[in-house]
């Protein structure tokens, strides 16, 4: 409700599109109730048909290729995808198939930069990268990583531009100390009758 300028894309939650009917109903609900303007599906074997059905119904779709976090247990963790020739060729074909099915945007995550650039050049839709190099049409950086909120170094695909975690921990430590010492609330934080 607070957004008036940016496009709102919503991630389809895990198992919310495990069947074509669930996919359509849940995407429509996200669009109607969540006020999303586009839904994002993580690529799997069934999604080409689902992308086609959603776009036929007027629902804009972003297809997520490469590392798909909803399937990390299948991959054995967070690993770069598309390094081997066979998987790179498959990803290029998947990108073409998804675009032909009606995907309005592609998202490439943890993909070698040369592969991401090649997919971007071949695509006629916007290609956004997260850990896919500068050859994509746009970039994603998770806000918590950008602001250094986790207290740990983000993975190679991210960069922290500040350290809000340490600032927050120090502010909380100072608050607790001030309460214990009676320094908070002070006179200027107190109302008189």
N, C-alpha and C. Protein backbone atom coordinates (compact mmCIF):
# COMPACT_ATOMS: atom_id res chain seq x y z
N UNK A 1 0.82 -1.21 0.00
CA UNK A 1 0.00 0.00 0.00
C UNK A 1 0.85 1.25 0.00
N UNK A 2 2.07 1.19 0.53
CA UNK A 2 2.92 2.36 0.59
C UNK A 2 3.69 2.61 -0.69
N UNK A 3 3.61 1.70 -1.63
CA UNK A 3 4.37 1.81 -2.87
C UNK A 3 3.55 2.55 -3.93
N UNK A 4 4.12 3.61 -4.48
CA UNK A 4 3.41 4.32 -5.54
C UNK A 4 4.25 4.47 -6.79
N UNK A 5 5.53 4.08 -6.74
CA UNK A 5 6.40 4.32 -7.89
C UNK A 5 7.07 3.07 -8.45
N UNK A 6 7.32 2.07 -7.66
CA UNK A 6 8.07 0.89 -8.13
C UNK A 6 7.13 -0.25 -8.48
N UNK A 7 7.54 -1.03 -9.47
CA UNK A 7 6.77 -2.23 -9.81
C UNK A 7 6.91 -3.23 -8.67
N UNK A 8 5.81 -3.85 -8.30
CA UNK A 8 5.82 -4.81 -7.21
C UNK A 8 5.74 -6.22 -7.78
N UNK A 9 6.84 -6.96 -7.64
CA UNK A 9 6.89 -8.35 -8.08
C UNK A 9 6.87 -9.23 -6.84
N UNK A 10 6.01 -10.26 -6.86
CA UNK A 10 5.88 -11.14 -5.70
C UNK A 10 6.39 -12.53 -6.05
N UNK A 11 7.19 -13.09 -5.16
CA UNK A 11 7.71 -14.43 -5.28
C UNK A 11 6.58 -15.42 -4.97
N UNK A 12 6.35 -16.37 -5.85
CA UNK A 12 5.37 -17.41 -5.55
C UNK A 12 5.99 -18.30 -4.46
N UNK A 13 5.33 -18.44 -3.31
CA UNK A 13 5.90 -19.21 -2.21
C UNK A 13 6.09 -20.69 -2.56
N UNK A 14 6.97 -21.32 -1.82
CA UNK A 14 7.26 -22.74 -1.98
C UNK A 14 5.96 -23.54 -1.97
N UNK A 15 5.80 -24.43 -2.93
CA UNK A 15 4.66 -25.33 -3.10
C UNK A 15 3.34 -24.61 -3.43
N UNK A 16 3.38 -23.32 -3.74
CA UNK A 16 2.14 -22.62 -4.11
C UNK A 16 1.84 -22.80 -5.59
N UNK A 17 2.75 -23.44 -6.34
CA UNK A 17 2.51 -23.68 -7.76
C UNK A 17 2.94 -25.09 -8.14
N UNK A 18 2.58 -26.04 -7.28
CA UNK A 18 2.94 -27.43 -7.52
C UNK A 18 2.02 -28.10 -8.54
N UNK A 19 0.91 -27.46 -8.87
CA UNK A 19 0.03 -27.96 -9.93
C UNK A 19 -0.44 -26.74 -10.74
N UNK A 20 -0.83 -26.95 -11.99
CA UNK A 20 -1.29 -25.81 -12.80
C UNK A 20 -2.46 -25.06 -12.17
N UNK A 21 -3.40 -25.80 -11.58
CA UNK A 21 -4.55 -25.13 -10.98
C UNK A 21 -4.13 -24.31 -9.76
N UNK A 22 -3.28 -24.88 -8.89
CA UNK A 22 -2.78 -24.14 -7.72
C UNK A 22 -2.03 -22.90 -8.18
N UNK A 23 -1.23 -23.06 -9.22
CA UNK A 23 -0.43 -21.94 -9.73
C UNK A 23 -1.33 -20.78 -10.15
N UNK A 24 -2.34 -21.06 -10.95
CA UNK A 24 -3.22 -20.01 -11.44
C UNK A 24 -3.99 -19.35 -10.30
N UNK A 25 -4.57 -20.16 -9.42
CA UNK A 25 -5.35 -19.61 -8.31
C UNK A 25 -4.49 -18.78 -7.36
N UNK A 26 -3.30 -19.28 -7.02
CA UNK A 26 -2.44 -18.56 -6.09
C UNK A 26 -1.83 -17.30 -6.72
N UNK A 27 -1.48 -17.37 -7.99
CA UNK A 27 -0.96 -16.18 -8.67
C UNK A 27 -2.04 -15.11 -8.75
N UNK A 28 -3.26 -15.50 -9.08
CA UNK A 28 -4.37 -14.54 -9.14
C UNK A 28 -4.61 -13.92 -7.77
N UNK A 29 -4.51 -14.73 -6.73
CA UNK A 29 -4.72 -14.21 -5.37
C UNK A 29 -3.62 -13.20 -5.00
N UNK A 30 -2.37 -13.53 -5.34
CA UNK A 30 -1.26 -12.61 -5.07
C UNK A 30 -1.47 -11.29 -5.81
N UNK A 31 -1.97 -11.39 -7.03
CA UNK A 31 -2.21 -10.18 -7.82
C UNK A 31 -3.36 -9.36 -7.22
N UNK A 32 -4.47 -10.03 -6.86
CA UNK A 32 -5.64 -9.31 -6.35
C UNK A 32 -5.44 -8.81 -4.92
N UNK A 33 -5.08 -9.71 -4.02
CA UNK A 33 -5.00 -9.35 -2.61
C UNK A 33 -3.68 -8.69 -2.24
N UNK A 34 -2.59 -9.15 -2.86
CA UNK A 34 -1.28 -8.61 -2.54
C UNK A 34 -0.90 -7.41 -3.38
N UNK A 35 -1.74 -7.08 -4.36
CA UNK A 35 -1.51 -5.93 -5.25
C UNK A 35 -0.21 -6.06 -6.05
N UNK A 36 0.23 -7.32 -6.29
CA UNK A 36 1.43 -7.54 -7.10
C UNK A 36 1.12 -7.19 -8.54
N UNK A 37 2.17 -6.79 -9.25
CA UNK A 37 2.04 -6.47 -10.67
C UNK A 37 2.72 -7.52 -11.53
N UNK A 38 3.44 -8.44 -10.89
CA UNK A 38 4.12 -9.54 -11.58
C UNK A 38 4.39 -10.62 -10.54
N UNK A 39 4.34 -11.89 -10.97
CA UNK A 39 4.72 -12.98 -10.07
C UNK A 39 6.00 -13.61 -10.57
N UNK A 40 6.77 -14.19 -9.64
CA UNK A 40 8.02 -14.84 -9.99
C UNK A 40 7.93 -16.32 -9.65
N UNK A 41 8.27 -17.14 -10.64
CA UNK A 41 8.30 -18.59 -10.46
C UNK A 41 9.73 -19.07 -10.57
N UNK A 42 10.14 -19.95 -9.67
CA UNK A 42 11.44 -20.59 -9.81
C UNK A 42 11.30 -21.72 -10.81
N UNK A 43 12.25 -21.79 -11.74
CA UNK A 43 12.16 -22.73 -12.85
C UNK A 43 12.24 -24.18 -12.39
N UNK A 44 11.37 -24.97 -12.96
CA UNK A 44 11.35 -26.41 -12.79
C UNK A 44 10.77 -27.01 -14.06
N UNK A 45 10.62 -28.30 -14.11
CA UNK A 45 10.21 -28.96 -15.35
C UNK A 45 8.80 -28.61 -15.79
N UNK A 46 7.91 -28.26 -14.87
CA UNK A 46 6.52 -28.00 -15.24
C UNK A 46 6.24 -26.53 -15.56
N UNK A 47 7.15 -25.63 -15.23
CA UNK A 47 6.81 -24.23 -15.26
C UNK A 47 6.56 -23.62 -16.64
N UNK A 48 7.09 -24.20 -17.72
CA UNK A 48 6.84 -23.62 -19.04
C UNK A 48 5.34 -23.58 -19.32
N UNK A 49 4.65 -24.67 -19.06
CA UNK A 49 3.19 -24.69 -19.25
C UNK A 49 2.50 -23.71 -18.31
N UNK A 50 3.00 -23.61 -17.09
CA UNK A 50 2.39 -22.69 -16.13
C UNK A 50 2.61 -21.24 -16.55
N UNK A 51 3.80 -20.93 -17.04
CA UNK A 51 4.08 -19.57 -17.52
C UNK A 51 3.12 -19.23 -18.66
N UNK A 52 2.94 -20.16 -19.58
CA UNK A 52 2.03 -19.93 -20.71
C UNK A 52 0.60 -19.68 -20.21
N UNK A 53 0.15 -20.48 -19.26
CA UNK A 53 -1.22 -20.33 -18.74
C UNK A 53 -1.38 -19.01 -18.01
N UNK A 54 -0.42 -18.65 -17.20
CA UNK A 54 -0.52 -17.37 -16.47
C UNK A 54 -0.56 -16.20 -17.44
N UNK A 55 0.30 -16.21 -18.43
CA UNK A 55 0.34 -15.08 -19.36
C UNK A 55 -0.93 -15.04 -20.21
N UNK A 56 -1.50 -16.20 -20.54
CA UNK A 56 -2.78 -16.23 -21.26
C UNK A 56 -3.88 -15.57 -20.43
N UNK A 57 -3.75 -15.67 -19.13
CA UNK A 57 -4.76 -15.08 -18.22
C UNK A 57 -4.41 -13.65 -17.83
N UNK A 58 -3.37 -13.08 -18.42
CA UNK A 58 -3.03 -11.69 -18.17
C UNK A 58 -2.16 -11.44 -16.95
N UNK A 59 -1.50 -12.47 -16.47
CA UNK A 59 -0.63 -12.33 -15.30
C UNK A 59 0.82 -12.25 -15.76
N UNK A 60 1.49 -11.11 -15.55
CA UNK A 60 2.90 -11.00 -15.93
C UNK A 60 3.76 -11.93 -15.08
N UNK A 61 4.77 -12.54 -15.73
CA UNK A 61 5.59 -13.56 -15.08
C UNK A 61 7.07 -13.26 -15.22
N UNK A 62 7.80 -13.42 -14.12
CA UNK A 62 9.26 -13.44 -14.12
C UNK A 62 9.67 -14.88 -13.86
N UNK A 63 10.49 -15.43 -14.75
CA UNK A 63 10.98 -16.80 -14.60
C UNK A 63 12.38 -16.77 -14.01
N UNK A 64 12.58 -17.50 -12.93
CA UNK A 64 13.83 -17.50 -12.16
C UNK A 64 14.64 -18.74 -12.54
N UNK A 65 15.83 -18.52 -13.09
CA UNK A 65 16.72 -19.60 -13.52
C UNK A 65 18.03 -19.56 -12.73
N UNK A 66 18.78 -20.65 -12.82
CA UNK A 66 20.06 -20.74 -12.11
C UNK A 66 19.82 -21.33 -10.75
N UNK A 67 20.43 -20.74 -9.73
CA UNK A 67 20.18 -21.19 -8.36
C UNK A 67 18.77 -20.75 -7.97
N UNK A 68 17.96 -21.70 -7.62
CA UNK A 68 16.60 -21.39 -7.18
C UNK A 68 16.51 -21.78 -5.70
N UNK A 69 16.45 -20.79 -4.81
CA UNK A 69 16.52 -21.07 -3.37
C UNK A 69 15.49 -22.07 -2.86
N UNK A 70 14.32 -22.16 -3.52
CA UNK A 70 13.32 -23.13 -3.06
C UNK A 70 13.77 -24.56 -3.30
N UNK A 71 14.82 -24.74 -4.11
CA UNK A 71 15.30 -26.09 -4.43
C UNK A 71 16.72 -26.34 -3.93
N UNK A 72 17.20 -25.54 -2.95
CA UNK A 72 18.59 -25.69 -2.53
C UNK A 72 18.89 -27.07 -1.96
N UNK A 73 17.91 -27.71 -1.35
CA UNK A 73 18.16 -29.05 -0.80
C UNK A 73 18.38 -30.06 -1.93
N UNK A 74 17.74 -29.83 -3.06
CA UNK A 74 17.95 -30.69 -4.23
C UNK A 74 19.36 -30.49 -4.78
N UNK A 75 19.85 -29.25 -4.74
CA UNK A 75 21.20 -28.94 -5.25
C UNK A 75 22.29 -29.27 -4.25
N UNK A 76 21.92 -29.48 -2.99
CA UNK A 76 22.93 -29.73 -1.96
C UNK A 76 23.50 -28.45 -1.38
N UNK A 77 22.77 -27.36 -1.49
CA UNK A 77 23.20 -26.08 -0.94
C UNK A 77 23.26 -24.99 -2.00
N UNK A 78 23.78 -23.86 -1.60
CA UNK A 78 23.88 -22.70 -2.50
C UNK A 78 25.11 -22.87 -3.38
N UNK A 79 24.88 -23.26 -4.63
CA UNK A 79 25.97 -23.52 -5.56
C UNK A 79 25.70 -22.82 -6.89
N UNK A 80 26.77 -22.35 -7.51
CA UNK A 80 26.67 -21.74 -8.82
C UNK A 80 26.10 -22.77 -9.80
N UNK A 81 25.20 -22.32 -10.65
CA UNK A 81 24.56 -23.20 -11.63
C UNK A 81 24.99 -22.80 -13.04
N UNK A 82 25.19 -23.78 -13.91
CA UNK A 82 25.51 -23.51 -15.30
C UNK A 82 26.99 -23.48 -15.61
N UNK A 83 27.82 -24.00 -14.74
CA UNK A 83 29.27 -24.02 -15.00
C UNK A 83 29.65 -25.08 -16.04
N UNK A 84 28.98 -26.20 -16.00
CA UNK A 84 29.28 -27.28 -16.93
C UNK A 84 28.58 -26.99 -18.26
N UNK A 85 29.19 -27.43 -19.34
CA UNK A 85 28.68 -27.17 -20.69
C UNK A 85 27.24 -27.63 -20.85
N UNK A 86 26.95 -28.83 -20.37
CA UNK A 86 25.60 -29.38 -20.51
C UNK A 86 24.56 -28.55 -19.77
N UNK A 87 24.86 -28.17 -18.52
CA UNK A 87 23.89 -27.38 -17.76
C UNK A 87 23.77 -25.96 -18.31
N UNK A 88 24.85 -25.42 -18.86
CA UNK A 88 24.78 -24.09 -19.49
C UNK A 88 23.88 -24.13 -20.72
N UNK A 89 24.04 -25.16 -21.55
CA UNK A 89 23.19 -25.30 -22.74
C UNK A 89 21.73 -25.46 -22.34
N UNK A 90 21.47 -26.25 -21.30
CA UNK A 90 20.11 -26.46 -20.82
C UNK A 90 19.50 -25.14 -20.33
N UNK A 91 20.32 -24.34 -19.61
CA UNK A 91 19.82 -23.07 -19.10
C UNK A 91 19.48 -22.11 -20.24
N UNK A 92 20.31 -22.08 -21.27
CA UNK A 92 20.03 -21.22 -22.43
C UNK A 92 18.73 -21.66 -23.11
N UNK A 93 18.54 -22.96 -23.25
CA UNK A 93 17.31 -23.47 -23.85
C UNK A 93 16.11 -23.17 -22.95
N UNK A 94 16.28 -23.34 -21.65
CA UNK A 94 15.19 -23.03 -20.72
C UNK A 94 14.80 -21.56 -20.82
N UNK A 95 15.77 -20.68 -20.91
CA UNK A 95 15.48 -19.25 -21.03
C UNK A 95 14.67 -18.98 -22.29
N UNK A 96 15.08 -19.59 -23.42
CA UNK A 96 14.33 -19.42 -24.68
C UNK A 96 12.91 -19.96 -24.54
N UNK A 97 12.79 -21.16 -23.97
CA UNK A 97 11.47 -21.79 -23.82
C UNK A 97 10.54 -20.95 -22.94
N UNK A 98 11.08 -20.43 -21.86
CA UNK A 98 10.26 -19.63 -20.95
C UNK A 98 9.84 -18.31 -21.61
N UNK A 99 10.75 -17.70 -22.35
CA UNK A 99 10.40 -16.48 -23.06
C UNK A 99 9.33 -16.78 -24.12
N UNK A 100 9.48 -17.87 -24.86
CA UNK A 100 8.48 -18.26 -25.86
C UNK A 100 7.14 -18.57 -25.21
N UNK A 101 7.15 -19.06 -23.98
CA UNK A 101 5.92 -19.36 -23.26
C UNK A 101 5.24 -18.10 -22.75
N UNK A 102 5.95 -16.97 -22.80
CA UNK A 102 5.34 -15.71 -22.41
C UNK A 102 5.97 -15.01 -21.22
N UNK A 103 7.07 -15.54 -20.68
CA UNK A 103 7.72 -14.87 -19.54
C UNK A 103 8.05 -13.43 -19.94
N UNK A 104 7.73 -12.51 -19.06
CA UNK A 104 7.96 -11.09 -19.30
C UNK A 104 9.33 -10.63 -18.83
N UNK A 105 9.98 -11.46 -18.02
CA UNK A 105 11.28 -11.13 -17.45
C UNK A 105 11.96 -12.42 -17.03
N UNK A 106 13.29 -12.42 -17.07
CA UNK A 106 14.08 -13.54 -16.57
C UNK A 106 14.94 -13.06 -15.43
N UNK A 107 15.10 -13.90 -14.41
CA UNK A 107 15.99 -13.62 -13.29
C UNK A 107 17.02 -14.73 -13.27
N UNK A 108 18.30 -14.36 -13.30
CA UNK A 108 19.40 -15.33 -13.26
C UNK A 108 20.12 -15.18 -11.93
N UNK A 109 20.19 -16.26 -11.16
CA UNK A 109 20.85 -16.22 -9.86
C UNK A 109 22.00 -17.21 -9.81
N UNK A 110 23.16 -16.73 -9.35
CA UNK A 110 24.37 -17.54 -9.20
C UNK A 110 24.68 -18.30 -10.48
N UNK A 111 24.83 -17.52 -11.54
CA UNK A 111 25.13 -18.04 -12.87
C UNK A 111 26.45 -17.42 -13.31
N UNK A 112 27.34 -18.16 -13.93
CA UNK A 112 28.59 -17.56 -14.42
C UNK A 112 28.31 -16.34 -15.29
N UNK A 113 29.11 -15.30 -15.13
CA UNK A 113 28.84 -14.03 -15.80
C UNK A 113 28.82 -14.14 -17.31
N UNK A 114 29.68 -14.99 -17.90
CA UNK A 114 29.67 -15.11 -19.36
C UNK A 114 28.38 -15.76 -19.85
N UNK A 115 27.87 -16.75 -19.13
CA UNK A 115 26.60 -17.38 -19.49
C UNK A 115 25.45 -16.40 -19.33
N UNK A 116 25.45 -15.66 -18.23
CA UNK A 116 24.39 -14.67 -17.99
C UNK A 116 24.38 -13.61 -19.08
N UNK A 117 25.55 -13.14 -19.48
CA UNK A 117 25.63 -12.14 -20.55
C UNK A 117 25.13 -12.70 -21.86
N UNK A 118 25.44 -13.96 -22.15
CA UNK A 118 24.97 -14.59 -23.39
C UNK A 118 23.44 -14.72 -23.39
N UNK A 119 22.88 -15.15 -22.28
CA UNK A 119 21.42 -15.25 -22.17
C UNK A 119 20.78 -13.87 -22.31
N UNK A 120 21.38 -12.87 -21.69
CA UNK A 120 20.85 -11.51 -21.76
C UNK A 120 20.86 -11.00 -23.20
N UNK A 121 21.96 -11.21 -23.92
CA UNK A 121 22.04 -10.76 -25.32
C UNK A 121 20.99 -11.44 -26.20
N UNK A 122 20.70 -12.70 -25.92
CA UNK A 122 19.76 -13.45 -26.75
C UNK A 122 18.30 -13.16 -26.40
N UNK A 123 18.05 -12.65 -25.22
CA UNK A 123 16.67 -12.44 -24.76
C UNK A 123 16.09 -11.15 -25.32
N UNK A 124 14.79 -11.16 -25.51
CA UNK A 124 14.10 -9.94 -25.91
C UNK A 124 13.30 -9.36 -24.75
N UNK A 125 13.41 -9.98 -23.58
CA UNK A 125 12.77 -9.47 -22.37
C UNK A 125 13.88 -9.05 -21.40
N UNK A 126 13.56 -8.22 -20.41
CA UNK A 126 14.58 -7.84 -19.43
C UNK A 126 15.14 -9.05 -18.69
N UNK A 127 16.45 -9.01 -18.43
CA UNK A 127 17.13 -10.06 -17.67
C UNK A 127 17.80 -9.38 -16.48
N UNK A 128 17.43 -9.83 -15.29
CA UNK A 128 17.94 -9.27 -14.05
C UNK A 128 18.86 -10.31 -13.42
N UNK A 129 19.97 -9.86 -12.85
CA UNK A 129 20.92 -10.78 -12.24
C UNK A 129 21.06 -10.58 -10.75
N UNK A 130 21.35 -11.68 -10.07
CA UNK A 130 21.78 -11.65 -8.68
C UNK A 130 22.92 -12.67 -8.61
N UNK A 131 24.12 -12.17 -8.53
CA UNK A 131 25.28 -13.04 -8.60
C UNK A 131 25.47 -13.60 -9.99
N UNK A 132 25.15 -12.81 -11.01
CA UNK A 132 25.26 -13.26 -12.40
C UNK A 132 26.08 -12.29 -13.24
N UNK A 133 26.81 -11.40 -12.62
CA UNK A 133 27.69 -10.49 -13.34
C UNK A 133 26.99 -9.24 -13.85
N UNK A 134 27.80 -8.36 -14.43
CA UNK A 134 27.30 -7.05 -14.86
C UNK A 134 26.71 -7.06 -16.26
N UNK A 135 26.70 -8.21 -16.94
CA UNK A 135 26.16 -8.28 -18.29
C UNK A 135 24.65 -8.38 -18.35
N UNK A 136 23.99 -8.47 -17.21
CA UNK A 136 22.53 -8.51 -17.17
C UNK A 136 21.99 -7.08 -17.29
N UNK A 137 20.71 -6.96 -17.59
CA UNK A 137 20.10 -5.65 -17.76
C UNK A 137 19.84 -4.91 -16.47
N UNK A 138 19.86 -5.60 -15.35
CA UNK A 138 19.63 -4.99 -14.04
C UNK A 138 20.19 -5.89 -12.96
N UNK A 139 20.23 -5.38 -11.74
CA UNK A 139 20.84 -6.11 -10.64
C UNK A 139 19.92 -6.14 -9.43
N UNK A 140 20.01 -7.22 -8.68
CA UNK A 140 19.33 -7.37 -7.39
C UNK A 140 20.38 -7.46 -6.31
N UNK A 141 20.16 -6.76 -5.23
CA UNK A 141 20.97 -6.91 -4.02
C UNK A 141 19.99 -6.91 -2.85
N UNK A 142 19.97 -7.97 -2.09
CA UNK A 142 19.03 -8.11 -0.97
C UNK A 142 19.29 -6.99 0.04
N UNK A 143 18.22 -6.32 0.46
CA UNK A 143 18.33 -5.16 1.34
C UNK A 143 19.11 -5.47 2.62
N UNK A 144 18.86 -6.61 3.22
CA UNK A 144 19.55 -6.97 4.47
C UNK A 144 21.06 -7.09 4.24
N UNK A 145 21.46 -7.57 3.07
CA UNK A 145 22.89 -7.65 2.74
C UNK A 145 23.45 -6.26 2.48
N UNK A 146 22.74 -5.47 1.69
CA UNK A 146 23.18 -4.11 1.37
C UNK A 146 23.42 -3.29 2.63
N UNK A 147 22.53 -3.44 3.61
CA UNK A 147 22.61 -2.65 4.84
C UNK A 147 23.44 -3.33 5.94
N UNK A 148 23.97 -4.51 5.67
CA UNK A 148 24.79 -5.20 6.67
C UNK A 148 24.02 -5.53 7.93
N UNK A 149 22.82 -6.06 7.78
CA UNK A 149 21.94 -6.29 8.91
C UNK A 149 22.12 -7.65 9.58
N UNK A 150 22.80 -8.60 8.94
CA UNK A 150 22.83 -9.96 9.47
C UNK A 150 23.94 -10.21 10.48
N UNK A 151 24.97 -9.40 10.47
CA UNK A 151 26.08 -9.63 11.38
C UNK A 151 27.12 -10.59 10.82
N UNK A 152 26.83 -11.16 9.66
CA UNK A 152 27.79 -12.03 8.99
C UNK A 152 28.04 -11.47 7.60
N UNK A 153 29.15 -11.84 7.03
CA UNK A 153 29.45 -11.39 5.67
C UNK A 153 28.52 -12.10 4.70
N UNK A 154 27.91 -11.34 3.79
CA UNK A 154 27.06 -12.00 2.80
C UNK A 154 27.92 -12.82 1.83
N UNK A 155 27.29 -13.69 1.09
CA UNK A 155 28.01 -14.49 0.12
C UNK A 155 28.67 -13.64 -0.94
N UNK A 156 29.43 -14.28 -1.80
CA UNK A 156 30.19 -13.59 -2.84
C UNK A 156 29.31 -12.73 -3.73
N UNK A 157 28.06 -13.10 -3.93
CA UNK A 157 27.19 -12.36 -4.83
C UNK A 157 26.70 -11.04 -4.25
N UNK A 158 26.99 -10.76 -2.98
CA UNK A 158 26.45 -9.57 -2.32
C UNK A 158 27.56 -8.65 -1.84
N UNK A 159 27.14 -7.46 -1.47
CA UNK A 159 28.07 -6.49 -0.89
C UNK A 159 27.30 -5.69 0.17
N UNK A 160 27.95 -5.46 1.30
CA UNK A 160 27.39 -4.61 2.34
C UNK A 160 27.96 -3.21 2.19
N UNK A 161 27.08 -2.22 2.17
CA UNK A 161 27.50 -0.83 2.02
C UNK A 161 27.57 -0.10 3.37
N UNK A 162 27.10 -0.76 4.40
CA UNK A 162 27.17 -0.22 5.76
C UNK A 162 27.07 -1.41 6.72
N UNK A 163 27.15 -1.15 8.03
CA UNK A 163 27.08 -2.23 9.01
C UNK A 163 26.03 -1.89 10.05
N UNK A 164 24.77 -2.00 9.65
CA UNK A 164 23.68 -1.68 10.58
C UNK A 164 23.58 -2.68 11.72
N UNK A 165 24.03 -3.91 11.52
CA UNK A 165 23.96 -4.91 12.58
C UNK A 165 24.74 -4.45 13.79
N UNK A 166 26.00 -4.09 13.59
CA UNK A 166 26.83 -3.66 14.72
C UNK A 166 26.30 -2.38 15.34
N UNK A 167 25.81 -1.46 14.51
CA UNK A 167 25.22 -0.22 15.03
C UNK A 167 23.99 -0.53 15.89
N UNK A 168 23.15 -1.46 15.42
CA UNK A 168 21.95 -1.83 16.17
C UNK A 168 22.30 -2.51 17.49
N UNK A 169 23.27 -3.42 17.45
CA UNK A 169 23.69 -4.11 18.67
C UNK A 169 24.24 -3.11 19.68
N UNK A 170 25.06 -2.16 19.22
CA UNK A 170 25.60 -1.14 20.12
C UNK A 170 24.50 -0.25 20.69
N UNK A 171 23.53 0.13 19.85
CA UNK A 171 22.42 0.95 20.33
C UNK A 171 21.61 0.21 21.40
N UNK A 172 21.34 -1.08 21.18
CA UNK A 172 20.61 -1.87 22.18
C UNK A 172 21.40 -2.02 23.47
N UNK A 173 22.71 -2.25 23.36
CA UNK A 173 23.56 -2.36 24.54
C UNK A 173 23.52 -1.06 25.34
N UNK A 174 23.61 0.08 24.65
CA UNK A 174 23.59 1.38 25.32
C UNK A 174 22.24 1.63 25.98
N UNK A 175 21.15 1.26 25.31
CA UNK A 175 19.80 1.40 25.87
C UNK A 175 19.66 0.60 27.16
N UNK A 176 20.06 -0.67 27.13
CA UNK A 176 19.96 -1.52 28.32
C UNK A 176 20.78 -0.93 29.47
N UNK A 177 21.98 -0.47 29.16
CA UNK A 177 22.83 0.13 30.18
C UNK A 177 22.17 1.37 30.76
N UNK A 178 21.60 2.23 29.91
CA UNK A 178 20.95 3.46 30.38
C UNK A 178 19.75 3.15 31.27
N UNK A 179 18.98 2.11 30.93
CA UNK A 179 17.83 1.74 31.76
C UNK A 179 18.31 1.24 33.11
N UNK A 180 19.33 0.37 33.12
CA UNK A 180 19.86 -0.17 34.39
C UNK A 180 20.43 0.93 35.27
N UNK A 181 21.06 1.93 34.65
CA UNK A 181 21.68 3.01 35.42
C UNK A 181 20.71 4.14 35.72
N UNK A 182 19.48 4.05 35.24
CA UNK A 182 18.49 5.10 35.48
C UNK A 182 18.68 6.33 34.59
N UNK A 183 19.50 6.23 33.56
CA UNK A 183 19.72 7.36 32.65
C UNK A 183 18.61 7.48 31.61
N UNK A 184 17.80 6.43 31.45
CA UNK A 184 16.64 6.47 30.57
C UNK A 184 15.48 5.83 31.30
N UNK A 185 14.34 6.47 31.33
CA UNK A 185 14.04 7.75 30.72
C UNK A 185 14.58 8.90 31.56
N UNK A 186 15.07 9.91 30.90
CA UNK A 186 15.56 11.13 31.55
C UNK A 186 14.41 12.13 31.63
N UNK A 187 14.66 13.25 32.22
CA UNK A 187 13.63 14.30 32.39
C UNK A 187 13.02 14.69 31.05
N UNK A 188 13.87 14.80 30.01
CA UNK A 188 13.34 15.21 28.70
C UNK A 188 12.50 14.13 28.02
N UNK A 189 12.50 12.90 28.59
CA UNK A 189 11.67 11.81 28.06
C UNK A 189 10.45 11.57 28.92
N UNK A 190 10.17 12.45 29.85
CA UNK A 190 9.10 12.25 30.83
C UNK A 190 8.09 13.38 30.76
N UNK A 191 6.80 13.04 30.90
CA UNK A 191 5.72 14.06 30.90
C UNK A 191 5.40 14.46 32.32
N UNK A 192 5.11 15.72 32.50
CA UNK A 192 4.70 16.25 33.81
C UNK A 192 3.17 16.33 33.86
N UNK A 193 2.61 16.30 35.08
CA UNK A 193 1.15 16.43 35.22
C UNK A 193 0.71 17.86 35.21
